[in-house]
């Protein structure tokens, strides 16, 4: 394995990436029977993170799922452009 690839893998293990964050949230949603909004809050709580600190980790697909949840919970207006989570 190239030294650069090894370094990238080690960095990814130590630091949270958007893909790793999305996987963690998906696991919480599946295993804890929560919606995405609650799952992110729960993740931040158990990892002692400020919710504001994870905003850059939210990927586009995760944003769509958050938006769908928010609309279903009447936290925001429903739009015709909203996509259902797949």
PDB file of N, CA and C in Angstrom:
ATOM      1  N   UNK A   1       0.850  -1.181   0.000  1.00  0.00           N
ATOM      2  CA  UNK A   1       0.000   0.000   0.000  1.00  0.00           C
ATOM      3  C   UNK A   1       0.895   1.244   0.000  1.00  0.00           C
ATOM      4  N   UNK A   2       0.473   2.225  -0.758  1.00  0.00           N
ATOM      5  CA  UNK A   2       1.243   3.466  -0.845  1.00  0.00           C
ATOM      6  C   UNK A   2       1.230   4.194   0.501  1.00  0.00           C
ATOM      7  N   UNK A   3       2.317   4.912   0.809  1.00  0.00           N
ATOM      8  CA  UNK A   3       2.364   5.666   2.069  1.00  0.00           C
ATOM      9  C   UNK A   3       1.232   6.691   2.192  1.00  0.00           C
ATOM     10  N   UNK A   4       0.883   7.340   1.080  1.00  0.00           N
ATOM     11  CA  UNK A   4      -0.192   8.338   1.117  1.00  0.00           C
ATOM     12  C   UNK A   4      -1.532   7.708   1.462  1.00  0.00           C
ATOM     13  N   UNK A   5      -1.807   6.523   0.921  1.00  0.00           N
ATOM     14  CA  UNK A   5      -3.068   5.829   1.196  1.00  0.00           C
ATOM     15  C   UNK A   5      -3.135   5.402   2.662  1.00  0.00           C
ATOM     16  N   UNK A   6      -2.006   4.941   3.197  1.00  0.00           N
ATOM     17  CA  UNK A   6      -1.962   4.551   4.599  1.00  0.00           C
ATOM     18  C   UNK A   6      -2.233   5.755   5.501  1.00  0.00           C
ATOM     19  N   UNK A   7      -1.615   6.864   5.143  1.00  0.00           N
ATOM     20  CA  UNK A   7      -1.806   8.089   5.921  1.00  0.00           C
ATOM     21  C   UNK A   7      -3.276   8.524   5.891  1.00  0.00           C
ATOM     22  N   UNK A   8      -3.890   8.476   4.702  1.00  0.00           N
ATOM     23  CA  UNK A   8      -5.293   8.855   4.564  1.00  0.00           C
ATOM     24  C   UNK A   8      -6.187   7.961   5.424  1.00  0.00           C
ATOM     25  N   UNK A   9      -5.910   6.670   5.444  1.00  0.00           N
ATOM     26  CA  UNK A   9      -6.714   5.745   6.241  1.00  0.00           C
ATOM     27  C   UNK A   9      -6.561   6.015   7.735  1.00  0.00           C
ATOM     28  N   UNK A  10      -5.347   6.324   8.165  1.00  0.00           N
ATOM     29  CA  UNK A  10      -5.114   6.636   9.573  1.00  0.00           C
ATOM     30  C   UNK A  10      -5.819   7.927   9.974  1.00  0.00           C
ATOM     31  N   UNK A  11      -5.770   8.919   9.101  1.00  0.00           N
ATOM     32  CA  UNK A  11      -6.451  10.193   9.376  1.00  0.00           C
ATOM     33  C   UNK A  11      -7.951   9.962   9.460  1.00  0.00           C
ATOM     34  N   UNK A  12      -8.487   9.153   8.542  1.00  0.00           N
ATOM     35  CA  UNK A  12      -9.930   8.888   8.539  1.00  0.00           C
ATOM     36  C   UNK A  12     -10.360   8.155   9.807  1.00  0.00           C
ATOM     37  N   UNK A  13      -9.507   7.283  10.331  1.00  0.00           N
ATOM     38  CA  UNK A  13      -9.827   6.567  11.576  1.00  0.00           C
ATOM     39  C   UNK A  13      -9.937   7.532  12.749  1.00  0.00           C
ATOM     40  N   UNK A  14      -9.046   8.513  12.785  1.00  0.00           N
ATOM     41  CA  UNK A  14      -8.988   9.433  13.926  1.00  0.00           C
ATOM     42  C   UNK A  14     -10.001  10.565  13.833  1.00  0.00           C
ATOM     43  N   UNK A  15     -10.323  10.992  12.632  1.00  0.00           N
ATOM     44  CA  UNK A  15     -11.204  12.138  12.458  1.00  0.00           C
ATOM     45  C   UNK A  15     -12.514  11.731  11.805  1.00  0.00           C
ATOM     46  N   UNK A  16     -13.554  12.429  12.184  1.00  0.00           N
ATOM     47  CA  UNK A  16     -14.869  12.168  11.657  1.00  0.00           C
ATOM     48  C   UNK A  16     -14.996  12.793  10.264  1.00  0.00           C
ATOM     49  N   UNK A  17     -15.392  11.982   9.294  1.00  0.00           N
ATOM     50  CA  UNK A  17     -15.608  12.464   7.931  1.00  0.00           C
ATOM     51  C   UNK A  17     -17.117  12.489   7.664  1.00  0.00           C
ATOM     52  N   UNK A  18     -17.549  13.230   6.637  1.00  0.00           N
ATOM     53  CA  UNK A  18     -18.986  13.255   6.328  1.00  0.00           C
ATOM     54  C   UNK A  18     -19.559  11.857   6.065  1.00  0.00           C
ATOM     55  N   UNK A  19     -18.806  10.998   5.389  1.00  0.00           N
ATOM     56  CA  UNK A  19     -19.332   9.657   5.112  1.00  0.00           C
ATOM     57  C   UNK A  19     -19.418   8.821   6.380  1.00  0.00           C
ATOM     58  N   UNK A  20     -18.442   8.927   7.250  1.00  0.00           N
ATOM     59  CA  UNK A  20     -18.460   8.193   8.512  1.00  0.00           C
ATOM     60  C   UNK A  20     -19.596   8.713   9.400  1.00  0.00           C
ATOM     61  N   UNK A  21     -19.770  10.024   9.422  1.00  0.00           N
ATOM     62  CA  UNK A  21     -20.845  10.631  10.207  1.00  0.00           C
ATOM     63  C   UNK A  21     -22.201  10.145   9.706  1.00  0.00           C
ATOM     64  N   UNK A  22     -22.393  10.133   8.385  1.00  0.00           N
ATOM     65  CA  UNK A  22     -23.659   9.682   7.802  1.00  0.00           C
ATOM     66  C   UNK A  22     -23.930   8.216   8.165  1.00  0.00           C
ATOM     67  N   UNK A  23     -22.896   7.389   8.140  1.00  0.00           N
ATOM     68  CA  UNK A  23     -23.061   5.980   8.504  1.00  0.00           C
ATOM     69  C   UNK A  23     -23.467   5.841   9.969  1.00  0.00           C
ATOM     70  N   UNK A  24     -22.841   6.621  10.833  1.00  0.00           N
ATOM     71  CA  UNK A  24     -23.180   6.582  12.262  1.00  0.00           C
ATOM     72  C   UNK A  24     -24.647   6.978  12.471  1.00  0.00           C
ATOM     73  N   UNK A  25     -25.080   8.028  11.787  1.00  0.00           N
ATOM     74  CA  UNK A  25     -26.462   8.499  11.927  1.00  0.00           C
ATOM     75  C   UNK A  25     -27.437   7.457  11.381  1.00  0.00           C
ATOM     76  N   UNK A  26     -27.116   6.866  10.239  1.00  0.00           N
ATOM     77  CA  UNK A  26     -27.970   5.818   9.655  1.00  0.00           C
ATOM     78  C   UNK A  26     -28.097   4.639  10.615  1.00  0.00           C
ATOM     79  N   UNK A  27     -27.003   4.271  11.275  1.00  0.00           N
ATOM     80  CA  UNK A  27     -27.049   3.171  12.245  1.00  0.00           C
ATOM     81  C   UNK A  27     -27.951   3.507  13.416  1.00  0.00           C
ATOM     82  N   UNK A  28     -27.860   4.735  13.897  1.00  0.00           N
ATOM     83  CA  UNK A  28     -28.712   5.155  15.015  1.00  0.00           C
ATOM     84  C   UNK A  28     -30.176   5.128  14.604  1.00  0.00           C
ATOM     85  N   UNK A  29     -30.478   5.645  13.413  1.00  0.00           N
ATOM     86  CA  UNK A  29     -31.864   5.666  12.927  1.00  0.00           C
ATOM     87  C   UNK A  29     -32.405   4.236  12.837  1.00  0.00           C
ATOM     88  N   UNK A  30     -31.595   3.323  12.316  1.00  0.00           N
ATOM     89  CA  UNK A  30     -32.041   1.946  12.134  1.00  0.00           C
ATOM     90  C   UNK A  30     -32.171   1.197  13.463  1.00  0.00           C
ATOM     91  N   UNK A  31     -31.213   1.382  14.356  1.00  0.00           N
ATOM     92  CA  UNK A  31     -31.176   0.585  15.580  1.00  0.00           C
ATOM     93  C   UNK A  31     -31.948   1.181  16.755  1.00  0.00           C
ATOM     94  N   UNK A  32     -32.073   2.487  16.792  1.00  0.00           N
ATOM     95  CA  UNK A  32     -32.718   3.139  17.933  1.00  0.00           C
ATOM     96  C   UNK A  32     -34.130   3.612  17.627  1.00  0.00           C
ATOM     97  N   UNK A  33     -34.604   3.376  16.405  1.00  0.00           N
ATOM     98  CA  UNK A  33     -35.950   3.779  15.989  1.00  0.00           C
ATOM     99  C   UNK A  33     -36.171   5.276  16.227  1.00  0.00           C
ATOM    100  N   UNK A  34     -35.258   6.084  15.672  1.00  0.00           N
ATOM    101  CA  UNK A  34     -35.347   7.543  15.783  1.00  0.00           C
ATOM    102  C   UNK A  34     -35.430   8.145  14.389  1.00  0.00           C
ATOM    103  N   UNK A  35     -35.897   9.389  14.326  1.00  0.00           N
ATOM    104  CA  UNK A  35     -35.806  10.099  13.058  1.00  0.00           C
ATOM    105  C   UNK A  35     -34.398  10.711  12.967  1.00  0.00           C
ATOM    106  N   UNK A  36     -34.087  11.300  11.832  1.00  0.00           N
ATOM    107  CA  UNK A  36     -32.729  11.814  11.597  1.00  0.00           C
ATOM    108  C   UNK A  36     -32.387  12.993  12.499  1.00  0.00           C
ATOM    109  N   UNK A  37     -33.349  13.828  12.780  1.00  0.00           N
ATOM    110  CA  UNK A  37     -33.103  14.988  13.645  1.00  0.00           C
ATOM    111  C   UNK A  37     -32.726  14.515  15.046  1.00  0.00           C
ATOM    112  N   UNK A  38     -33.522  13.606  15.579  1.00  0.00           N
ATOM    113  CA  UNK A  38     -33.237  13.074  16.921  1.00  0.00           C
ATOM    114  C   UNK A  38     -31.933  12.290  16.942  1.00  0.00           C
ATOM    115  N   UNK A  39     -31.646  11.574  15.858  1.00  0.00           N
ATOM    116  CA  UNK A  39     -30.422  10.769  15.795  1.00  0.00           C
ATOM    117  C   UNK A  39     -29.176  11.654  15.858  1.00  0.00           C
ATOM    118  N   UNK A  40     -29.197  12.786  15.171  1.00  0.00           N
ATOM    119  CA  UNK A  40     -28.047  13.694  15.210  1.00  0.00           C
ATOM    120  C   UNK A  40     -27.903  14.299  16.607  1.00  0.00           C
ATOM    121  N   UNK A  41     -29.012  14.682  17.206  1.00  0.00           N
ATOM    122  CA  UNK A  41     -28.960  15.218  18.572  1.00  0.00           C
ATOM    123  C   UNK A  41     -28.428  14.166  19.539  1.00  0.00           C
ATOM    124  N   UNK A  42     -28.899  12.936  19.400  1.00  0.00           N
ATOM    125  CA  UNK A  42     -28.453  11.832  20.248  1.00  0.00           C
ATOM    126  C   UNK A  42     -26.955  11.567  20.059  1.00  0.00           C
ATOM    127  N   UNK A  43     -26.510  11.551  18.802  1.00  0.00           N
ATOM    128  CA  UNK A  43     -25.090  11.323  18.500  1.00  0.00           C
ATOM    129  C   UNK A  43     -24.230  12.400  19.164  1.00  0.00           C
ATOM    130  N   UNK A  44     -24.648  13.639  19.045  1.00  0.00           N
ATOM    131  CA  UNK A  44     -23.894  14.747  19.647  1.00  0.00           C
ATOM    132  C   UNK A  44     -23.866  14.619  21.167  1.00  0.00           C
ATOM    133  N   UNK A  45     -24.990  14.205  21.732  1.00  0.00           N
ATOM    134  CA  UNK A  45     -25.062  14.065  23.191  1.00  0.00           C
ATOM    135  C   UNK A  45     -24.123  12.969  23.706  1.00  0.00           C
ATOM    136  N   UNK A  46     -24.138  11.798  23.068  1.00  0.00           N
ATOM    137  CA  UNK A  46     -23.304  10.697  23.570  1.00  0.00           C
ATOM    138  C   UNK A  46     -21.821  10.904  23.286  1.00  0.00           C
ATOM    139  N   UNK A  47     -21.507  11.766  22.313  1.00  0.00           N
ATOM    140  CA  UNK A  47     -20.109  12.038  21.990  1.00  0.00           C
ATOM    141  C   UNK A  47     -19.628  13.391  22.499  1.00  0.00           C
ATOM    142  N   UNK A  48     -20.435  14.031  23.336  1.00  0.00           N
ATOM    143  CA  UNK A  48     -20.090  15.337  23.914  1.00  0.00           C
ATOM    144  C   UNK A  48     -19.695  16.362  22.851  1.00  0.00           C
ATOM    145  N   UNK A  49     -20.508  16.458  21.818  1.00  0.00           N
ATOM    146  CA  UNK A  49     -20.271  17.413  20.732  1.00  0.00           C
ATOM    147  C   UNK A  49     -21.369  18.473  20.742  1.00  0.00           C
ATOM    148  N   UNK A  50     -20.997  19.671  20.350  1.00  0.00           N
ATOM    149  CA  UNK A  50     -21.992  20.716  20.139  1.00  0.00           C
ATOM    150  C   UNK A  50     -22.668  20.439  18.799  1.00  0.00           C
ATOM    151  N   UNK A  51     -23.976  20.602  18.751  1.00  0.00           N
ATOM    152  CA  UNK A  51     -24.699  20.340  17.498  1.00  0.00           C
ATOM    153  C   UNK A  51     -24.162  21.212  16.371  1.00  0.00           C
ATOM    154  N   UNK A  52     -23.794  22.452  16.697  1.00  0.00           N
ATOM    155  CA  UNK A  52     -23.272  23.367  15.680  1.00  0.00           C
ATOM    156  C   UNK A  52     -21.963  22.863  15.065  1.00  0.00           C
ATOM    157  N   UNK A  53     -21.245  22.019  15.788  1.00  0.00           N
ATOM    158  CA  UNK A  53     -19.943  21.556  15.291  1.00  0.00           C
ATOM    159  C   UNK A  53     -20.057  20.480  14.220  1.00  0.00           C
ATOM    160  N   UNK A  54     -21.215  19.881  14.042  1.00  0.00           N
ATOM    161  CA  UNK A  54     -21.348  18.812  13.047  1.00  0.00           C
ATOM    162  C   UNK A  54     -22.000  19.281  11.744  1.00  0.00           C
ATOM    163  N   UNK A  55     -22.284  20.555  11.631  1.00  0.00           N
ATOM    164  CA  UNK A  55     -22.975  21.038  10.426  1.00  0.00           C
ATOM    165  C   UNK A  55     -22.182  20.771   9.154  1.00  0.00           C
ATOM    166  N   UNK A  56     -20.877  20.845   9.211  1.00  0.00           N
ATOM    167  CA  UNK A  56     -20.059  20.603   8.014  1.00  0.00           C
ATOM    168  C   UNK A  56     -19.972  19.119   7.667  1.00  0.00           C
ATOM    169  N   UNK A  57     -20.401  18.260   8.573  1.00  0.00           N
ATOM    170  CA  UNK A  57     -20.358  16.820   8.339  1.00  0.00           C
ATOM    171  C   UNK A  57     -21.641  16.281   7.708  1.00  0.00           C
ATOM    172  N   UNK A  58     -22.661  17.122   7.597  1.00  0.00           N
ATOM    173  CA  UNK A  58     -23.937  16.679   7.049  1.00  0.00           C
ATOM    174  C   UNK A  58     -23.856  16.680   5.523  1.00  0.00           C
ATOM    175  N   UNK A  59     -23.922  15.479   4.950  1.00  0.00           N
ATOM    176  CA  UNK A  59     -23.833  15.331   3.492  1.00  0.00           C
ATOM    177  C   UNK A  59     -25.167  15.690   2.836  1.00  0.00           C
ATOM    178  N   UNK A  60     -25.143  15.844   1.526  1.00  0.00           N
ATOM    179  CA  UNK A  60     -26.357  16.213   0.791  1.00  0.00           C
ATOM    180  C   UNK A  60     -27.490  15.192   0.981  1.00  0.00           C
ATOM    181  N   UNK A  61     -27.215  13.881   0.862  1.00  0.00           N
ATOM    182  CA  UNK A  61     -28.310  12.923   1.103  1.00  0.00           C
ATOM    183  C   UNK A  61     -28.867  13.007   2.525  1.00  0.00           C
ATOM    184  N   UNK A  62     -27.992  13.226   3.490  1.00  0.00           N
ATOM    185  CA  UNK A  62     -28.439  13.356   4.878  1.00  0.00           C
ATOM    186  C   UNK A  62     -29.266  14.629   5.055  1.00  0.00           C
ATOM    187  N   UNK A  63     -28.882  15.704   4.362  1.00  0.00           N
ATOM    188  CA  UNK A  63     -29.662  16.951   4.410  1.00  0.00           C
ATOM    189  C   UNK A  63     -31.073  16.732   3.874  1.00  0.00           C
ATOM    190  N   UNK A  64     -31.182  15.953   2.792  1.00  0.00           N
ATOM    191  CA  UNK A  64     -32.497  15.674   2.214  1.00  0.00           C
ATOM    192  C   UNK A  64     -33.366  14.905   3.200  1.00  0.00           C
ATOM    193  N   UNK A  65     -32.767  13.950   3.893  1.00  0.00           N
ATOM    194  CA  UNK A  65     -33.516  13.167   4.875  1.00  0.00           C
ATOM    195  C   UNK A  65     -33.922  14.032   6.065  1.00  0.00           C
ATOM    196  N   UNK A  66     -33.030  14.932   6.480  1.00  0.00           N
ATOM    197  CA  UNK A  66     -33.362  15.871   7.558  1.00  0.00           C
ATOM    198  C   UNK A  66     -34.516  16.778   7.148  1.00  0.00           C
ATOM    199  N   UNK A  67     -34.461  17.242   5.923  1.00  0.00           N
ATOM    200  CA  UNK A  67     -35.509  18.124   5.409  1.00  0.00           C
ATOM    201  C   UNK A  67     -36.849  17.396   5.379  1.00  0.00           C
ATOM    202  N   UNK A  68     -36.835  16.148   4.923  1.00  0.00           N
ATOM    203  CA  UNK A  68     -38.063  15.356   4.868  1.00  0.00           C
ATOM    204  C   UNK A  68     -38.636  15.174   6.270  1.00  0.00           C
ATOM    205  N   UNK A  69     -37.765  14.819   7.236  1.00  0.00           N
ATOM    206  CA  UNK A  69     -38.205  14.667   8.626  1.00  0.00           C
ATOM    207  C   UNK A  69     -38.808  15.972   9.152  1.00  0.00           C
ATOM    208  N   UNK A  70     -38.137  17.075   8.897  1.00  0.00           N
ATOM    209  CA  UNK A  70     -38.606  18.377   9.380  1.00  0.00           C
ATOM    210  C   UNK A  70     -39.978  18.709   8.798  1.00  0.00           C
ATOM    211  N   UNK A  71     -40.184  18.373   7.544  1.00  0.00           N
ATOM    212  CA  UNK A  71     -41.479  18.636   6.921  1.00  0.00           C
ATOM    213  C   UNK A  71     -42.558  17.717   7.491  1.00  0.00           C
ATOM    214  N   UNK A  72     -42.222  16.460   7.721  1.00  0.00           N
ATOM    215  CA  UNK A  72     -43.181  15.520   8.299  1.00  0.00           C
ATOM    216  C   UNK A  72     -43.573  15.917   9.722  1.00  0.00           C
ATOM    217  N   UNK A  73     -42.635  16.508  10.451  1.00  0.00           N
ATOM    218  CA  UNK A  73     -42.899  16.943  11.818  1.00  0.00           C
ATOM    219  C   UNK A  73     -43.455  18.364  11.883  1.00  0.00           C
ATOM    220  N   UNK A  74     -43.726  18.942  10.718  1.00  0.00           N
ATOM    221  CA  UNK A  74     -44.235  20.310  10.600  1.00  0.00           C
ATOM    222  C   UNK A  74     -43.288  21.342  11.200  1.00  0.00           C
ATOM    223  N   UNK A  75     -41.978  21.090  11.131  1.00  0.00           N
ATOM    224  CA  UNK A  75     -40.986  22.073  11.564  1.00  0.00           C
ATOM    225  C   UNK A  75     -40.702  23.068  10.456  1.00  0.00           C
ATOM    226  N   UNK A  76     -41.035  22.691   9.218  1.00  0.00           N
ATOM    227  CA  UNK A  76     -40.867  23.594   8.095  1.00  0.00           C
ATOM    228  C   UNK A  76     -41.945  23.288   7.063  1.00  0.00           C
ATOM    229  N   UNK A  77     -42.205  24.269   6.198  1.00  0.00           N
ATOM    230  CA  UNK A  77     -43.236  24.104   5.187  1.00  0.00           C
ATOM    231  C   UNK A  77     -42.846  23.016   4.201  1.00  0.00           C
ATOM    232  N   UNK A  78     -43.858  22.294   3.766  1.00  0.00           N
ATOM    233  CA  UNK A  78     -43.616  21.280   2.743  1.00  0.00           C
ATOM    234  C   UNK A  78     -43.471  21.966   1.393  1.00  0.00           C
ATOM    235  N   UNK A  79     -42.514  21.475   0.614  1.00  0.00           N
ATOM    236  CA  UNK A  79     -42.323  22.007  -0.732  1.00  0.00           C
ATOM    237  C   UNK A  79     -42.503  20.888  -1.726  1.00  0.00           C
ATOM    238  N   UNK A  80     -42.798  21.246  -2.938  1.00  0.00           N
ATOM    239  CA  UNK A  80     -42.992  20.234  -3.961  1.00  0.00           C
ATOM    240  C   UNK A  80     -41.656  19.608  -4.382  1.00  0.00           C
ATOM    241  N   UNK A  81     -40.539  20.263  -4.005  1.00  0.00           N
ATOM    242  CA  UNK A  81     -39.223  19.757  -4.406  1.00  0.00           C
ATOM    243  C   UNK A  81     -38.632  18.784  -3.392  1.00  0.00           C
ATOM    244  N   UNK A  82     -39.325  18.551  -2.297  1.00  0.00           N
ATOM    245  CA  UNK A  82     -38.784  17.662  -1.266  1.00  0.00           C
ATOM    246  C   UNK A  82     -38.682  16.226  -1.810  1.00  0.00           C
ATOM    247  N   UNK A  83     -37.574  15.584  -1.498  1.00  0.00           N
ATOM    248  CA  UNK A  83     -37.374  14.209  -1.940  1.00  0.00           C
ATOM    249  C   UNK A  83     -37.563  13.286  -0.753  1.00  0.00           C
ATOM    250  N   UNK A  84     -38.159  12.144  -1.024  1.00  0.00           N
ATOM    251  CA  UNK A  84     -38.340  11.154   0.022  1.00  0.00           C
ATOM    252  C   UNK A  84     -37.026  10.426   0.271  1.00  0.00           C
ATOM    253  N   UNK A  85     -36.747  10.063   1.509  1.00  0.00           N
ATOM    254  CA  UNK A  85     -35.519   9.311   1.763  1.00  0.00           C
ATOM    255  C   UNK A  85     -35.628   7.913   1.175  1.00  0.00           C
ATOM    256  N   UNK A  86     -34.567   7.472   0.589  1.00  0.00           N
ATOM    257  CA  UNK A  86     -34.560   6.138  -0.025  1.00  0.00           C
ATOM    258  C   UNK A  86     -33.781   5.173   0.801  1.00  0.00           C
TER     259      UNK A  86
END
